[in-house]
Amino acid sequence: MELLERLEKTLEGLIERFTDGVFRTPVQPVEIGKRLIREMDSHRTVAPSSTFVPNLFVIVVGADTFAKFSMLCPPLLSEFETLLKQHVADQGYKTVGPIAVRLQEDESLKAHEVKITPVSMKTPPPMDAVLDAELAKQGTVLDPHPGGDQAKTVIAGTGRADAPTEKMEEAAGTGDTTTELLTLAPSIEVVEGNEAGQTIRLRNGLRIGRGTKNDVPLSDNAVSRDHLEFVLEGDAWVVRDLGSANKTKVNDVVVESAPLTPGDEILIGRTKLVVRGA
């Protein structure tokens, strides 16, 4: 990836400048750069007209690694931010606030361990802030382990989790961080297939298929061009097959239409989706 190649060259210059070329740590900065991109992609939220991603990423490392990385800061964090800004531009993503990367120490972590916590926050804390306190006051962090039952997307400043994507669009456009957010739609998580790790917030009429015009296009050749859609019928979310060649299964049963509850498994082609609670 061209972005990562540029990052690697820049980091080599930083290491030469600040450490006389000697920088020994089990965790290499370029590997963290790769993880930052993966975390951003894994926590994208599909809205009606945009795809939102977190804008604040907190890198948590052990004491020894923190001390070594601190030698390269703040230029190191600035380079990570540049990397993510370019990735946002390349992918056409939107965020609710400016891109920011922060470094945090956790003495309980071993030298090779790294945790990255993504957050959606209108105004990221300054680099020298006590991050735990800041995040607790300004918003809720996302689950740093995509795929877990507790993965959440939030707009900081509200203290409310699982924000509807329409409200994310509103907050991003108006700068309003006090908008009351309501828990509405559940999410669909891709747990098996080429897009495993992606989480999609449901909205009425959302379509999934192999075709690029779908709200969520999949690269699974066993998925039909227009495979299924999700609709809201009263208070219930329903999945509808759109005449697909390989059919749609809900909990191993072929269906044309079926109401959904948290925990239900949807199989289309070789891609498995799981319904996550609102």
C-alpha atoms as a PDB file:
ATOM      1  CA  MET A   1       0.000   0.000   0.000  1.00  0.00           C
ATOM      2  CA  GLU A   2       1.452   3.345  -1.082  1.00  0.00           C
ATOM      3  CA  LEU A   3       0.246   5.094   2.081  1.00  0.00           C
ATOM      4  CA  LEU A   4       2.095   2.678   4.327  1.00  0.00           C
ATOM      5  CA  GLU A   5       5.245   2.830   2.201  1.00  0.00           C
ATOM      6  CA  ARG A   6       5.299   6.607   2.635  1.00  0.00           C
ATOM      7  CA  LEU A   7       4.707   6.212   6.369  1.00  0.00           C
ATOM      8  CA  GLU A   8       7.572   3.725   6.667  1.00  0.00           C
ATOM      9  CA  LYS A   9      10.008   6.103   4.968  1.00  0.00           C
ATOM     10  CA  THR A  10       8.888   9.001   7.140  1.00  0.00           C
ATOM     11  CA  LEU A  11       9.223   6.934  10.319  1.00  0.00           C
ATOM     12  CA  GLU A  12      12.735   5.917   9.332  1.00  0.00           C
ATOM     13  CA  GLY A  13      13.588   9.611   9.178  1.00  0.00           C
ATOM     14  CA  LEU A  14      12.042  10.254  12.608  1.00  0.00           C
ATOM     15  CA  ILE A  15      13.931   7.372  14.175  1.00  0.00           C
ATOM     16  CA  GLU A  16      17.195   8.574  12.653  1.00  0.00           C
ATOM     17  CA  ARG A  17      16.542  12.109  13.862  1.00  0.00           C
ATOM     18  CA  PHE A  18      15.423  11.439  17.438  1.00  0.00           C
ATOM     19  CA  THR A  19      17.210   8.186  18.358  1.00  0.00           C
ATOM     20  CA  ASP A  20      20.408   8.241  16.311  1.00  0.00           C
ATOM     21  CA  GLY A  21      19.009   5.369  14.264  1.00  0.00           C
ATOM     22  CA  VAL A  22      18.678   2.982  17.229  1.00  0.00           C
ATOM     23  CA  PHE A  23      15.085   2.077  18.036  1.00  0.00           C
ATOM     24  CA  ARG A  24      14.573  -1.395  19.469  1.00  0.00           C
ATOM     25  CA  THR A  25      11.050  -2.309  20.532  1.00  0.00           C
ATOM     26  CA  PRO A  26       8.852  -5.394  19.984  1.00  0.00           C
ATOM     27  CA  VAL A  27       6.228  -3.078  18.488  1.00  0.00           C
ATOM     28  CA  GLN A  28       7.251  -1.259  15.310  1.00  0.00           C
ATOM     29  CA  PRO A  29       5.484   2.034  14.518  1.00  0.00           C
ATOM     30  CA  VAL A  30       4.674   0.989  10.950  1.00  0.00           C
ATOM     31  CA  GLU A  31       2.770  -2.045  12.282  1.00  0.00           C
ATOM     32  CA  ILE A  32       0.703   0.291  14.434  1.00  0.00           C
ATOM     33  CA  GLY A  33      -0.014   2.335  11.307  1.00  0.00           C
ATOM     34  CA  LYS A  34      -1.407  -0.779   9.640  1.00  0.00           C
ATOM     35  CA  ARG A  35      -3.546  -1.519  12.676  1.00  0.00           C
ATOM     36  CA  LEU A  36      -4.906   2.006  12.770  1.00  0.00           C
ATOM     37  CA  ILE A  37      -6.209   1.612   9.219  1.00  0.00           C
ATOM     38  CA  ARG A  38      -7.728  -1.782  10.048  1.00  0.00           C
ATOM     39  CA  GLU A  39      -9.428  -0.371  13.143  1.00  0.00           C
ATOM     40  CA  MET A  40     -10.861   2.528  11.145  1.00  0.00           C
ATOM     41  CA  ASP A  41     -12.232   0.211   8.459  1.00  0.00           C
ATOM     42  CA  SER A  42     -13.586  -2.288  10.997  1.00  0.00           C
ATOM     43  CA  HIS A  43     -15.580   0.378  12.822  1.00  0.00           C
ATOM     44  CA  ARG A  44     -17.164   2.075   9.820  1.00  0.00           C
ATOM     45  CA  THR A  45     -20.873   2.779  10.103  1.00  0.00           C
ATOM     46  CA  VAL A  46     -23.008   2.925   6.965  1.00  0.00           C
ATOM     47  CA  ALA A  47     -25.418   5.885   7.028  1.00  0.00           C
ATOM     48  CA  PRO A  48     -28.087   6.717   4.415  1.00  0.00           C
ATOM     49  CA  SER A  49     -25.768   8.921   2.363  1.00  0.00           C
ATOM     50  CA  SER A  50     -22.345   8.500   3.967  1.00  0.00           C
ATOM     51  CA  THR A  51     -20.006   6.049   5.655  1.00  0.00           C
ATOM     52  CA  PHE A  52     -18.743   7.276   9.017  1.00  0.00           C
ATOM     53  CA  VAL A  53     -15.595   6.151  10.799  1.00  0.00           C
ATOM     54  CA  PRO A  54     -14.115   7.024  14.204  1.00  0.00           C
ATOM     55  CA  ASN A  55     -11.898  10.089  14.285  1.00  0.00           C
ATOM     56  CA  LEU A  56      -9.973   9.575  17.553  1.00  0.00           C
ATOM     57  CA  PHE A  57      -7.671   6.595  18.062  1.00  0.00           C
ATOM     58  CA  VAL A  58      -6.040   5.956  21.435  1.00  0.00           C
ATOM     59  CA  ILE A  59      -2.940   3.739  21.218  1.00  0.00           C
ATOM     60  CA  VAL A  60      -2.379   1.993  24.550  1.00  0.00           C
ATOM     61  CA  VAL A  61       1.022   0.373  25.203  1.00  0.00           C
ATOM     62  CA  GLY A  62       3.101  -0.891  28.120  1.00  0.00           C
ATOM     63  CA  ALA A  63       5.448   1.291  30.133  1.00  0.00           C
ATOM     64  CA  ASP A  64       8.644   0.382  28.256  1.00  0.00           C
ATOM     65  CA  THR A  65       7.106   0.839  24.818  1.00  0.00           C
ATOM     66  CA  PHE A  66       5.452   4.080  25.952  1.00  0.00           C
ATOM     67  CA  ALA A  67       8.824   5.478  27.031  1.00  0.00           C
ATOM     68  CA  LYS A  68      10.410   4.634  23.679  1.00  0.00           C
ATOM     69  CA  PHE A  69       7.501   5.922  21.603  1.00  0.00           C
ATOM     70  CA  SER A  70       7.442   9.136  23.649  1.00  0.00           C
ATOM     71  CA  MET A  71      10.901   9.880  22.261  1.00  0.00           C
ATOM     72  CA  LEU A  72       9.279  10.243  18.830  1.00  0.00           C
ATOM     73  CA  CYS A  73       6.260  12.271  19.915  1.00  0.00           C
ATOM     74  CA  PRO A  74       4.512  14.450  18.904  1.00  0.00           C
ATOM     75  CA  PRO A  75       5.855  13.969  15.327  1.00  0.00           C
ATOM     76  CA  LEU A  76       5.025  10.236  15.449  1.00  0.00           C
ATOM     77  CA  LEU A  77       1.379  10.877  16.297  1.00  0.00           C
ATOM     78  CA  SER A  78       1.195  13.584  13.645  1.00  0.00           C
ATOM     79  CA  GLU A  79       2.381  11.079  11.032  1.00  0.00           C
ATOM     80  CA  PHE A  80      -0.285   8.598  12.125  1.00  0.00           C
ATOM     81  CA  GLU A  81      -2.884  11.354  11.812  1.00  0.00           C
ATOM     82  CA  THR A  82      -1.669  12.196   8.306  1.00  0.00           C
ATOM     83  CA  LEU A  83      -1.945   8.525   7.366  1.00  0.00           C
ATOM     84  CA  LEU A  84      -5.543   8.307   8.574  1.00  0.00           C
ATOM     85  CA  LYS A  85      -6.558  11.615   6.994  1.00  0.00           C
ATOM     86  CA  GLN A  86      -5.341  10.376   3.625  1.00  0.00           C
ATOM     87  CA  HIS A  87      -7.150   7.055   4.102  1.00  0.00           C
ATOM     88  CA  VAL A  88     -10.374   8.920   4.908  1.00  0.00           C
ATOM     89  CA  ALA A  89      -9.969  10.975   1.729  1.00  0.00           C
ATOM     90  CA  ASP A  90      -9.151   7.941  -0.410  1.00  0.00           C
ATOM     91  CA  GLN A  91     -12.152   5.947   0.853  1.00  0.00           C
ATOM     92  CA  GLY A  92     -14.634   8.832   0.908  1.00  0.00           C
ATOM     93  CA  TYR A  93     -15.304   8.370   4.626  1.00  0.00           C
ATOM     94  CA  LYS A  94     -16.764  11.020   6.924  1.00  0.00           C
ATOM     95  CA  THR A  95     -16.064  11.711  10.588  1.00  0.00           C
ATOM     96  CA  VAL A  96     -17.827  13.726  13.285  1.00  0.00           C
ATOM     97  CA  GLY A  97     -14.626  15.557  14.200  1.00  0.00           C
ATOM     98  CA  PRO A  98     -10.972  16.023  13.234  1.00  0.00           C
ATOM     99  CA  ILE A  99      -8.659  13.022  13.006  1.00  0.00           C
ATOM    100  CA  ALA A 100      -6.533  12.609  16.131  1.00  0.00           C
ATOM    101  CA  VAL A 101      -4.191   9.916  17.460  1.00  0.00           C
ATOM    102  CA  ARG A 102      -3.170   9.811  21.114  1.00  0.00           C
ATOM    103  CA  LEU A 103      -0.699   7.656  23.068  1.00  0.00           C
ATOM    104  CA  GLN A 104      -1.516   6.209  26.467  1.00  0.00           C
ATOM    105  CA  GLU A 105       0.453   4.103  28.946  1.00  0.00           C
ATOM    106  CA  ASP A 106      -0.877   0.979  30.640  1.00  0.00           C
ATOM    107  CA  GLU A 107       1.643  -0.614  32.990  1.00  0.00           C
ATOM    108  CA  SER A 108      -0.288  -3.905  32.959  1.00  0.00           C
ATOM    109  CA  LEU A 109       0.514  -4.480  29.276  1.00  0.00           C
ATOM    110  CA  LYS A 110       3.552  -6.476  28.198  1.00  0.00           C
ATOM    111  CA  ALA A 111       6.132  -4.994  25.850  1.00  0.00           C
ATOM    112  CA  HIS A 112       4.642  -6.639  22.741  1.00  0.00           C
ATOM    113  CA  GLU A 113       1.015  -5.812  23.560  1.00  0.00           C
ATOM    114  CA  VAL A 114      -0.842  -2.929  21.930  1.00  0.00           C
ATOM    115  CA  LYS A 115      -4.475  -1.897  22.278  1.00  0.00           C
ATOM    116  CA  ILE A 116      -6.112   0.613  19.976  1.00  0.00           C
ATOM    117  CA  THR A 117      -9.374   2.204  21.066  1.00  0.00           C
ATOM    118  CA  PRO A 118     -11.383   4.027  18.346  1.00  0.00           C
ATOM    119  CA  VAL A 119     -13.760   6.808  19.364  1.00  0.00           C
ATOM    120  CA  SER A 120     -16.123   9.207  17.595  1.00  0.00           C
ATOM    121  CA  MET A 121     -15.591  12.594  19.232  1.00  0.00           C
ATOM    122  CA  LYS A 122     -16.400  16.110  18.043  1.00  0.00           C
ATOM    123  CA  THR A 123     -13.438  17.677  19.848  1.00  0.00           C
ATOM    124  CA  PRO A 124     -10.576  15.261  20.610  1.00  0.00           C
ATOM    125  CA  PRO A 125      -8.615  15.867  23.827  1.00  0.00           C
ATOM    126  CA  PRO A 126      -5.191  17.542  23.611  1.00  0.00           C
ATOM    127  CA  MET A 127      -2.108  15.340  23.434  1.00  0.00           C
ATOM    128  CA  ASP A 128      -1.193  15.975  27.067  1.00  0.00           C
ATOM    129  CA  ALA A 129      -4.686  15.234  28.440  1.00  0.00           C
ATOM    130  CA  VAL A 130      -5.394  12.469  30.916  1.00  0.00           C
ATOM    131  CA  LEU A 131      -7.271  10.428  28.380  1.00  0.00           C
ATOM    132  CA  ASP A 132      -9.313   8.201  30.673  1.00  0.00           C
ATOM    133  CA  ALA A 133     -10.820  11.234  32.385  1.00  0.00           C
ATOM    134  CA  GLU A 134     -11.367  13.094  29.138  1.00  0.00           C
ATOM    135  CA  LEU A 135     -13.106  10.204  27.418  1.00  0.00           C
ATOM    136  CA  ALA A 136     -15.291   9.549  30.445  1.00  0.00           C
ATOM    137  CA  LYS A 137     -16.443  13.159  30.461  1.00  0.00           C
ATOM    138  CA  GLN A 138     -16.860  13.675  26.731  1.00  0.00           C
ATOM    139  CA  GLY A 139     -18.180  10.410  25.386  1.00  0.00           C
ATOM    140  CA  THR A 140     -18.071   6.652  25.218  1.00  0.00           C
ATOM    141  CA  VAL A 141     -15.296   4.666  23.599  1.00  0.00           C
ATOM    142  CA  LEU A 142     -15.928   1.985  21.014  1.00  0.00           C
ATOM    143  CA  ASP A 143     -15.133  -1.638  21.727  1.00  0.00           C
ATOM    144  CA  PRO A 144     -11.448  -1.971  20.779  1.00  0.00           C
ATOM    145  CA  HIS A 145     -12.088  -5.560  19.707  1.00  0.00           C
ATOM    146  CA  PRO A 146     -14.367  -5.521  16.612  1.00  0.00           C
ATOM    147  CA  GLY A 147     -16.745  -8.432  16.462  1.00  0.00           C
ATOM    148  CA  GLY A 148     -17.646  -8.397  20.141  1.00  0.00           C
ATOM    149  CA  ASP A 149     -21.241  -8.182  21.316  1.00  0.00           C
ATOM    150  CA  GLN A 150     -20.561  -4.810  22.916  1.00  0.00           C
ATOM    151  CA  ALA A 151     -19.158  -2.995  19.864  1.00  0.00           C
ATOM    152  CA  LYS A 152     -20.654   0.506  19.901  1.00  0.00           C
ATOM    153  CA  THR A 153     -20.543   3.683  17.871  1.00  0.00           C
ATOM    154  CA  VAL A 154     -21.049   6.954  19.730  1.00  0.00           C
ATOM    155  CA  ILE A 155     -20.959  10.689  19.290  1.00  0.00           C
ATOM    156  CA  ALA A 156     -18.991  12.152  22.158  1.00  0.00           C
ATOM    157  CA  GLY A 157     -20.589  14.899  24.193  1.00  0.00           C
ATOM    158  CA  THR A 158     -23.801  12.932  24.659  1.00  0.00           C
ATOM    159  CA  GLY A 159     -22.755  10.000  26.812  1.00  0.00           C
ATOM    160  CA  ARG A 160     -25.140   7.858  24.741  1.00  0.00           C
ATOM    161  CA  ALA A 161     -24.099   4.764  22.823  1.00  0.00           C
ATOM    162  CA  ASP A 162     -25.346   3.245  19.548  1.00  0.00           C
ATOM    163  CA  ALA A 163     -26.123   6.564  17.925  1.00  0.00           C
ATOM    164  CA  PRO A 164     -28.368   6.385  14.816  1.00  0.00           C
ATOM    165  CA  THR A 165     -26.419   7.134  11.681  1.00  0.00           C
ATOM    166  CA  GLU A 166     -28.826   9.926  10.742  1.00  0.00           C
ATOM    167  CA  LYS A 167     -27.814  11.720  13.955  1.00  0.00           C
ATOM    168  CA  MET A 168     -24.162  11.158  13.127  1.00  0.00           C
ATOM    169  CA  GLU A 169     -24.756  12.940   9.835  1.00  0.00           C
ATOM    170  CA  GLU A 170     -26.565  15.750  11.656  1.00  0.00           C
ATOM    171  CA  ALA A 171     -23.809  16.175  14.224  1.00  0.00           C
ATOM    172  CA  ALA A 172     -21.116  16.120  11.560  1.00  0.00           C
ATOM    173  CA  GLY A 173     -22.923  18.793   9.575  1.00  0.00           C
ATOM    174  CA  THR A 174     -24.010  21.172  12.330  1.00  0.00           C
ATOM    175  CA  GLY A 175     -21.339  20.890  14.981  1.00  0.00           C
ATOM    176  CA  ASP A 176     -24.064  20.255  17.572  1.00  0.00           C
ATOM    177  CA  THR A 177     -22.689  17.998  20.301  1.00  0.00           C
ATOM    178  CA  THR A 178     -25.748  18.207  22.558  1.00  0.00           C
ATOM    179  CA  THR A 179     -28.253  16.569  20.194  1.00  0.00           C
ATOM    180  CA  GLU A 180     -30.297  13.958  22.029  1.00  0.00           C
ATOM    181  CA  LEU A 181     -29.497  10.561  20.533  1.00  0.00           C
ATOM    182  CA  LEU A 182     -32.018   7.745  20.548  1.00  0.00           C
ATOM    183  CA  THR A 183     -31.246   4.054  20.338  1.00  0.00           C
ATOM    184  CA  LEU A 184     -33.066   2.844  17.250  1.00  0.00           C
ATOM    185  CA  ALA A 185     -31.782   0.229  14.880  1.00  0.00           C
ATOM    186  CA  PRO A 186     -29.772  -2.921  15.561  1.00  0.00           C
ATOM    187  CA  SER A 187     -26.597  -3.703  13.673  1.00  0.00           C
ATOM    188  CA  ILE A 188     -25.555  -6.471  11.343  1.00  0.00           C
ATOM    189  CA  GLU A 189     -22.033  -7.803  11.792  1.00  0.00           C
ATOM    190  CA  VAL A 190     -20.219  -9.741   9.077  1.00  0.00           C
ATOM    191  CA  VAL A 191     -18.614 -12.652  10.950  1.00  0.00           C
ATOM    192  CA  GLU A 192     -17.594 -14.851   7.996  1.00  0.00           C
ATOM    193  CA  GLY A 193     -16.608 -13.932   4.459  1.00  0.00           C
ATOM    194  CA  ASN A 194     -14.367 -11.454   2.667  1.00  0.00           C
ATOM    195  CA  GLU A 195     -15.825  -8.503   4.579  1.00  0.00           C
ATOM    196  CA  ALA A 196     -15.599 -10.137   8.022  1.00  0.00           C
ATOM    197  CA  GLY A 197     -15.326  -7.530  10.781  1.00  0.00           C
ATOM    198  CA  GLN A 198     -17.580  -4.960   9.127  1.00  0.00           C
ATOM    199  CA  THR A 199     -20.554  -3.752  11.174  1.00  0.00           C
ATOM    200  CA  ILE A 200     -23.551  -2.113   9.494  1.00  0.00           C
ATOM    201  CA  ARG A 201     -26.248  -0.098  11.239  1.00  0.00           C
ATOM    202  CA  LEU A 202     -29.634  -1.126   9.838  1.00  0.00           C
ATOM    203  CA  ARG A 203     -31.947   1.354   8.167  1.00  0.00           C
ATOM    204  CA  ASN A 204     -35.206   0.824   6.360  1.00  0.00           C
ATOM    205  CA  GLY A 205     -34.570  -0.412   2.818  1.00  0.00           C
ATOM    206  CA  LEU A 206     -30.861  -1.150   3.286  1.00  0.00           C
ATOM    207  CA  ARG A 207     -29.722  -3.594   0.571  1.00  0.00           C
ATOM    208  CA  ILE A 208     -26.851  -6.056   0.454  1.00  0.00           C
ATOM    209  CA  GLY A 209     -25.541  -7.797  -2.653  1.00  0.00           C
ATOM    210  CA  ARG A 210     -22.626  -8.235  -5.014  1.00  0.00           C
ATOM    211  CA  GLY A 211     -23.581  -5.223  -7.117  1.00  0.00           C
ATOM    212  CA  THR A 212     -21.725  -2.009  -6.402  1.00  0.00           C
ATOM    213  CA  LYS A 213     -24.961   0.005  -6.234  1.00  0.00           C
ATOM    214  CA  ASN A 214     -26.037  -1.806  -3.076  1.00  0.00           C
ATOM    215  CA  ASP A 215     -25.770  -0.014   0.258  1.00  0.00           C
ATOM    216  CA  VAL A 216     -23.385  -2.774   1.335  1.00  0.00           C
ATOM    217  CA  PRO A 217     -21.613  -4.389  -1.639  1.00  0.00           C
ATOM    218  CA  LEU A 218     -19.985  -7.767  -0.989  1.00  0.00           C
ATOM    219  CA  SER A 219     -17.154  -9.406  -2.935  1.00  0.00           C
ATOM    220  CA  ASP A 220     -18.574 -12.923  -2.401  1.00  0.00           C
ATOM    221  CA  ASN A 221     -19.184 -14.517  -5.820  1.00  0.00           C
ATOM    222  CA  ALA A 222     -21.868 -16.754  -4.319  1.00  0.00           C
ATOM    223  CA  VAL A 223     -23.927 -13.692  -3.402  1.00  0.00           C
ATOM    224  CA  SER A 224     -26.411 -12.408  -5.998  1.00  0.00           C
ATOM    225  CA  ARG A 225     -26.057  -8.944  -7.478  1.00  0.00           C
ATOM    226  CA  ASP A 226     -29.112  -7.816  -5.460  1.00  0.00           C
ATOM    227  CA  HIS A 227     -29.406 -10.409  -2.724  1.00  0.00           C
ATOM    228  CA  LEU A 228     -31.475  -9.110   0.200  1.00  0.00           C
ATOM    229  CA  GLU A 229     -32.853  -6.058   1.923  1.00  0.00           C
ATOM    230  CA  PHE A 230     -33.826  -5.093   5.452  1.00  0.00           C
ATOM    231  CA  VAL A 231     -37.149  -3.378   6.125  1.00  0.00           C
ATOM    232  CA  LEU A 232     -38.866  -2.099   9.233  1.00  0.00           C
ATOM    233  CA  GLU A 233     -42.392  -3.480   9.621  1.00  0.00           C
ATOM    234  CA  GLY A 234     -44.032  -1.896  12.629  1.00  0.00           C
ATOM    235  CA  ASP A 235     -41.566  -2.459  15.464  1.00  0.00           C
ATOM    236  CA  ALA A 236     -39.902  -5.460  13.835  1.00  0.00           C
ATOM    237  CA  TRP A 237     -36.907  -5.603  11.519  1.00  0.00           C
ATOM    238  CA  VAL A 238     -37.400  -8.049   8.658  1.00  0.00           C
ATOM    239  CA  VAL A 239     -34.963  -9.495   6.134  1.00  0.00           C
ATOM    240  CA  ARG A 240     -36.289 -10.100   2.613  1.00  0.00           C
ATOM    241  CA  ASP A 241     -34.645 -12.183  -0.084  1.00  0.00           C
ATOM    242  CA  LEU A 242     -34.669 -10.411  -3.460  1.00  0.00           C
ATOM    243  CA  GLY A 243     -34.931 -13.533  -5.614  1.00  0.00           C
ATOM    244  CA  SER A 244     -31.315 -14.551  -5.119  1.00  0.00           C
ATOM    245  CA  ALA A 245     -29.890 -17.589  -6.870  1.00  0.00           C
ATOM    246  CA  ASN A 246     -28.429 -19.188  -3.732  1.00  0.00           C
ATOM    247  CA  LYS A 247     -31.224 -18.086  -1.393  1.00  0.00           C
ATOM    248  CA  THR A 248     -31.087 -16.518   2.044  1.00  0.00           C
ATOM    249  CA  LYS A 249     -30.931 -18.583   5.221  1.00  0.00           C
ATOM    250  CA  VAL A 250     -31.856 -17.385   8.697  1.00  0.00           C
ATOM    251  CA  ASN A 251     -30.635 -19.753  11.406  1.00  0.00           C
ATOM    252  CA  ASP A 252     -30.045 -22.446   8.722  1.00  0.00           C
ATOM    253  CA  VAL A 253     -33.592 -22.168   7.334  1.00  0.00           C
ATOM    254  CA  VAL A 254     -34.189 -20.888   3.782  1.00  0.00           C
ATOM    255  CA  VAL A 255     -36.515 -17.890   3.918  1.00  0.00           C
ATOM    256  CA  GLU A 256     -38.111 -15.413   1.564  1.00  0.00           C
ATOM    257  CA  SER A 257     -38.892 -13.086   4.450  1.00  0.00           C
ATOM    258  CA  ALA A 258     -38.255 -13.418   8.176  1.00  0.00           C
ATOM    259  CA  PRO A 259     -38.412 -11.199  11.292  1.00  0.00           C
ATOM    260  CA  LEU A 260     -35.092 -10.732  13.061  1.00  0.00           C
ATOM    261  CA  THR A 261     -34.009 -10.774  16.680  1.00  0.00           C
ATOM    262  CA  PRO A 262     -30.547 -10.245  18.200  1.00  0.00           C
ATOM    263  CA  GLY A 263     -28.355 -13.290  17.740  1.00  0.00           C
ATOM    264  CA  ASP A 264     -29.993 -14.451  14.501  1.00  0.00           C
ATOM    265  CA  GLU A 265     -27.555 -15.691  11.864  1.00  0.00           C
ATOM    266  CA  ILE A 266     -28.095 -14.824   8.205  1.00  0.00           C
ATOM    267  CA  LEU A 267     -26.219 -16.819   5.560  1.00  0.00           C
ATOM    268  CA  ILE A 268     -25.914 -15.510   2.002  1.00  0.00           C
ATOM    269  CA  GLY A 269     -23.470 -17.301  -0.257  1.00  0.00           C
ATOM    270  CA  ARG A 270     -20.350 -17.846   1.828  1.00  0.00           C
ATOM    271  CA  THR A 271     -20.966 -14.731   3.927  1.00  0.00           C
ATOM    272  CA  LYS A 272     -22.472 -14.998   7.398  1.00  0.00           C
ATOM    273  CA  LEU A 273     -24.116 -12.060   9.145  1.00  0.00           C
ATOM    274  CA  VAL A 274     -25.160 -11.860  12.783  1.00  0.00           C
ATOM    275  CA  VAL A 275     -27.827  -9.533  14.148  1.00  0.00           C
ATOM    276  CA  ARG A 276     -26.520  -7.479  17.065  1.00  0.00           C
ATOM    277  CA  GLY A 277     -28.821  -5.753  19.520  1.00  0.00           C
ATOM    278  CA  ALA A 278     -29.571  -2.033  19.386  1.00  0.00           C
END
